[in-house]
């Protein structure tokens, strides 16, 4: 298996930290020398190990921001399903 190369180009922020010191972070990461993308995942304290995460393009992060701000909700969502 080929080695995964990554570089955290910008640290945006920490969402949480668990009892073992791992932090869930939003960063800009360049994977295998490609253009940096937004990345959300858990990291150990020295950033040598990572958990599973999700990588988002600029357009996807903009859409996520709109969804979280309630600006774009799907028409097929039934608000009564939420407590």
C-alpha atoms as a PDB file:
ATOM      1  CA  UNK A   1       0.000   0.000   0.000  1.00  0.00           C
ATOM      2  CA  UNK A   2       1.324   3.439  -0.945  1.00  0.00           C
ATOM      3  CA  UNK A   3       2.189   5.850   1.835  1.00  0.00           C
ATOM      4  CA  UNK A   4      -0.398   8.546   2.460  1.00  0.00           C
ATOM      5  CA  UNK A   5       1.143  12.003   2.309  1.00  0.00           C
ATOM      6  CA  UNK A   6      -0.601  14.925   3.963  1.00  0.00           C
ATOM      7  CA  UNK A   7       0.151  18.449   5.102  1.00  0.00           C
ATOM      8  CA  UNK A   8      -2.036  20.536   7.379  1.00  0.00           C
ATOM      9  CA  UNK A   9      -1.835  23.872   5.581  1.00  0.00           C
ATOM     10  CA  UNK A  10      -4.189  25.742   7.915  1.00  0.00           C
ATOM     11  CA  UNK A  11      -5.547  24.882  11.357  1.00  0.00           C
ATOM     12  CA  UNK A  12      -9.070  26.319  11.581  1.00  0.00           C
ATOM     13  CA  UNK A  13     -10.234  25.078  14.969  1.00  0.00           C
ATOM     14  CA  UNK A  14     -10.930  22.346  17.514  1.00  0.00           C
ATOM     15  CA  UNK A  15     -14.505  21.130  18.008  1.00  0.00           C
ATOM     16  CA  UNK A  16     -13.848  18.830  20.970  1.00  0.00           C
ATOM     17  CA  UNK A  17     -11.243  16.843  22.893  1.00  0.00           C
ATOM     18  CA  UNK A  18     -11.643  13.363  24.377  1.00  0.00           C
ATOM     19  CA  UNK A  19     -10.181  11.954  27.605  1.00  0.00           C
ATOM     20  CA  UNK A  20      -7.130  10.553  25.769  1.00  0.00           C
ATOM     21  CA  UNK A  21      -6.227  13.947  24.339  1.00  0.00           C
ATOM     22  CA  UNK A  22      -7.418  13.314  20.781  1.00  0.00           C
ATOM     23  CA  UNK A  23      -9.050  16.379  19.233  1.00  0.00           C
ATOM     24  CA  UNK A  24     -11.742  16.648  16.570  1.00  0.00           C
ATOM     25  CA  UNK A  25     -10.491  19.405  14.279  1.00  0.00           C
ATOM     26  CA  UNK A  26     -11.391  21.338  11.175  1.00  0.00           C
ATOM     27  CA  UNK A  27      -8.290  21.971   9.067  1.00  0.00           C
ATOM     28  CA  UNK A  28      -7.231  22.670   5.522  1.00  0.00           C
ATOM     29  CA  UNK A  29      -5.212  19.656   4.371  1.00  0.00           C
ATOM     30  CA  UNK A  30      -3.281  18.919   1.211  1.00  0.00           C
ATOM     31  CA  UNK A  31      -3.530  15.180   0.491  1.00  0.00           C
ATOM     32  CA  UNK A  32      -0.741  13.724  -1.693  1.00  0.00           C
ATOM     33  CA  UNK A  33       0.429  17.197  -2.822  1.00  0.00           C
ATOM     34  CA  UNK A  34      -3.006  18.159  -4.141  1.00  0.00           C
ATOM     35  CA  UNK A  35      -4.912  21.409  -3.592  1.00  0.00           C
ATOM     36  CA  UNK A  36      -5.863  21.787   0.099  1.00  0.00           C
ATOM     37  CA  UNK A  37      -9.444  20.956   1.101  1.00  0.00           C
ATOM     38  CA  UNK A  38     -11.443  21.310   4.289  1.00  0.00           C
ATOM     39  CA  UNK A  39     -11.006  18.272   6.496  1.00  0.00           C
ATOM     40  CA  UNK A  40     -12.867  17.228   9.654  1.00  0.00           C
ATOM     41  CA  UNK A  41     -11.427  14.332  11.721  1.00  0.00           C
ATOM     42  CA  UNK A  42      -9.856  13.305  15.038  1.00  0.00           C
ATOM     43  CA  UNK A  43      -6.125  13.668  15.625  1.00  0.00           C
ATOM     44  CA  UNK A  44      -3.807  12.446  18.365  1.00  0.00           C
ATOM     45  CA  UNK A  45      -1.987  15.191  20.314  1.00  0.00           C
ATOM     46  CA  UNK A  46       1.097  15.329  18.038  1.00  0.00           C
ATOM     47  CA  UNK A  47      -0.846  14.864  14.760  1.00  0.00           C
ATOM     48  CA  UNK A  48       1.012  11.653  13.854  1.00  0.00           C
ATOM     49  CA  UNK A  49      -2.164   9.522  13.929  1.00  0.00           C
ATOM     50  CA  UNK A  50      -5.654  10.302  12.681  1.00  0.00           C
ATOM     51  CA  UNK A  51      -9.133   8.837  12.778  1.00  0.00           C
ATOM     52  CA  UNK A  52     -11.611   8.518   9.958  1.00  0.00           C
ATOM     53  CA  UNK A  53     -12.892  11.804   8.692  1.00  0.00           C
ATOM     54  CA  UNK A  54     -14.506  13.699   5.877  1.00  0.00           C
ATOM     55  CA  UNK A  55     -12.903  15.995   3.305  1.00  0.00           C
ATOM     56  CA  UNK A  56     -14.942  18.795   1.727  1.00  0.00           C
ATOM     57  CA  UNK A  57     -14.407  21.114  -1.224  1.00  0.00           C
ATOM     58  CA  UNK A  58     -14.978  24.875  -0.959  1.00  0.00           C
ATOM     59  CA  UNK A  59     -18.429  24.450  -2.527  1.00  0.00           C
ATOM     60  CA  UNK A  60     -19.359  21.634  -0.123  1.00  0.00           C
ATOM     61  CA  UNK A  61     -18.289  23.625   2.943  1.00  0.00           C
ATOM     62  CA  UNK A  62     -20.345  26.599   1.704  1.00  0.00           C
ATOM     63  CA  UNK A  63     -23.382  24.338   1.262  1.00  0.00           C
ATOM     64  CA  UNK A  64     -22.842  22.825   4.715  1.00  0.00           C
ATOM     65  CA  UNK A  65     -22.635  26.297   6.241  1.00  0.00           C
ATOM     66  CA  UNK A  66     -25.945  27.240   4.600  1.00  0.00           C
ATOM     67  CA  UNK A  67     -27.569  24.039   5.858  1.00  0.00           C
ATOM     68  CA  UNK A  68     -26.339  24.614   9.401  1.00  0.00           C
ATOM     69  CA  UNK A  69     -27.575  28.195   9.288  1.00  0.00           C
ATOM     70  CA  UNK A  70     -31.004  26.980   8.173  1.00  0.00           C
ATOM     71  CA  UNK A  71     -30.858  28.782   4.852  1.00  0.00           C
ATOM     72  CA  UNK A  72     -31.301  25.728   2.623  1.00  0.00           C
ATOM     73  CA  UNK A  73     -33.455  22.949   4.002  1.00  0.00           C
ATOM     74  CA  UNK A  74     -34.653  20.179   1.707  1.00  0.00           C
ATOM     75  CA  UNK A  75     -38.373  20.370   0.939  1.00  0.00           C
ATOM     76  CA  UNK A  76     -38.793  16.669   1.752  1.00  0.00           C
ATOM     77  CA  UNK A  77     -37.722  17.106   5.395  1.00  0.00           C
ATOM     78  CA  UNK A  78     -40.671  16.761   7.723  1.00  0.00           C
ATOM     79  CA  UNK A  79     -39.987  18.997  10.729  1.00  0.00           C
ATOM     80  CA  UNK A  80     -42.398  16.888  12.809  1.00  0.00           C
ATOM     81  CA  UNK A  81     -39.848  14.035  12.629  1.00  0.00           C
ATOM     82  CA  UNK A  82     -37.473  16.051  14.815  1.00  0.00           C
ATOM     83  CA  UNK A  83     -37.957  16.203  18.566  1.00  0.00           C
END
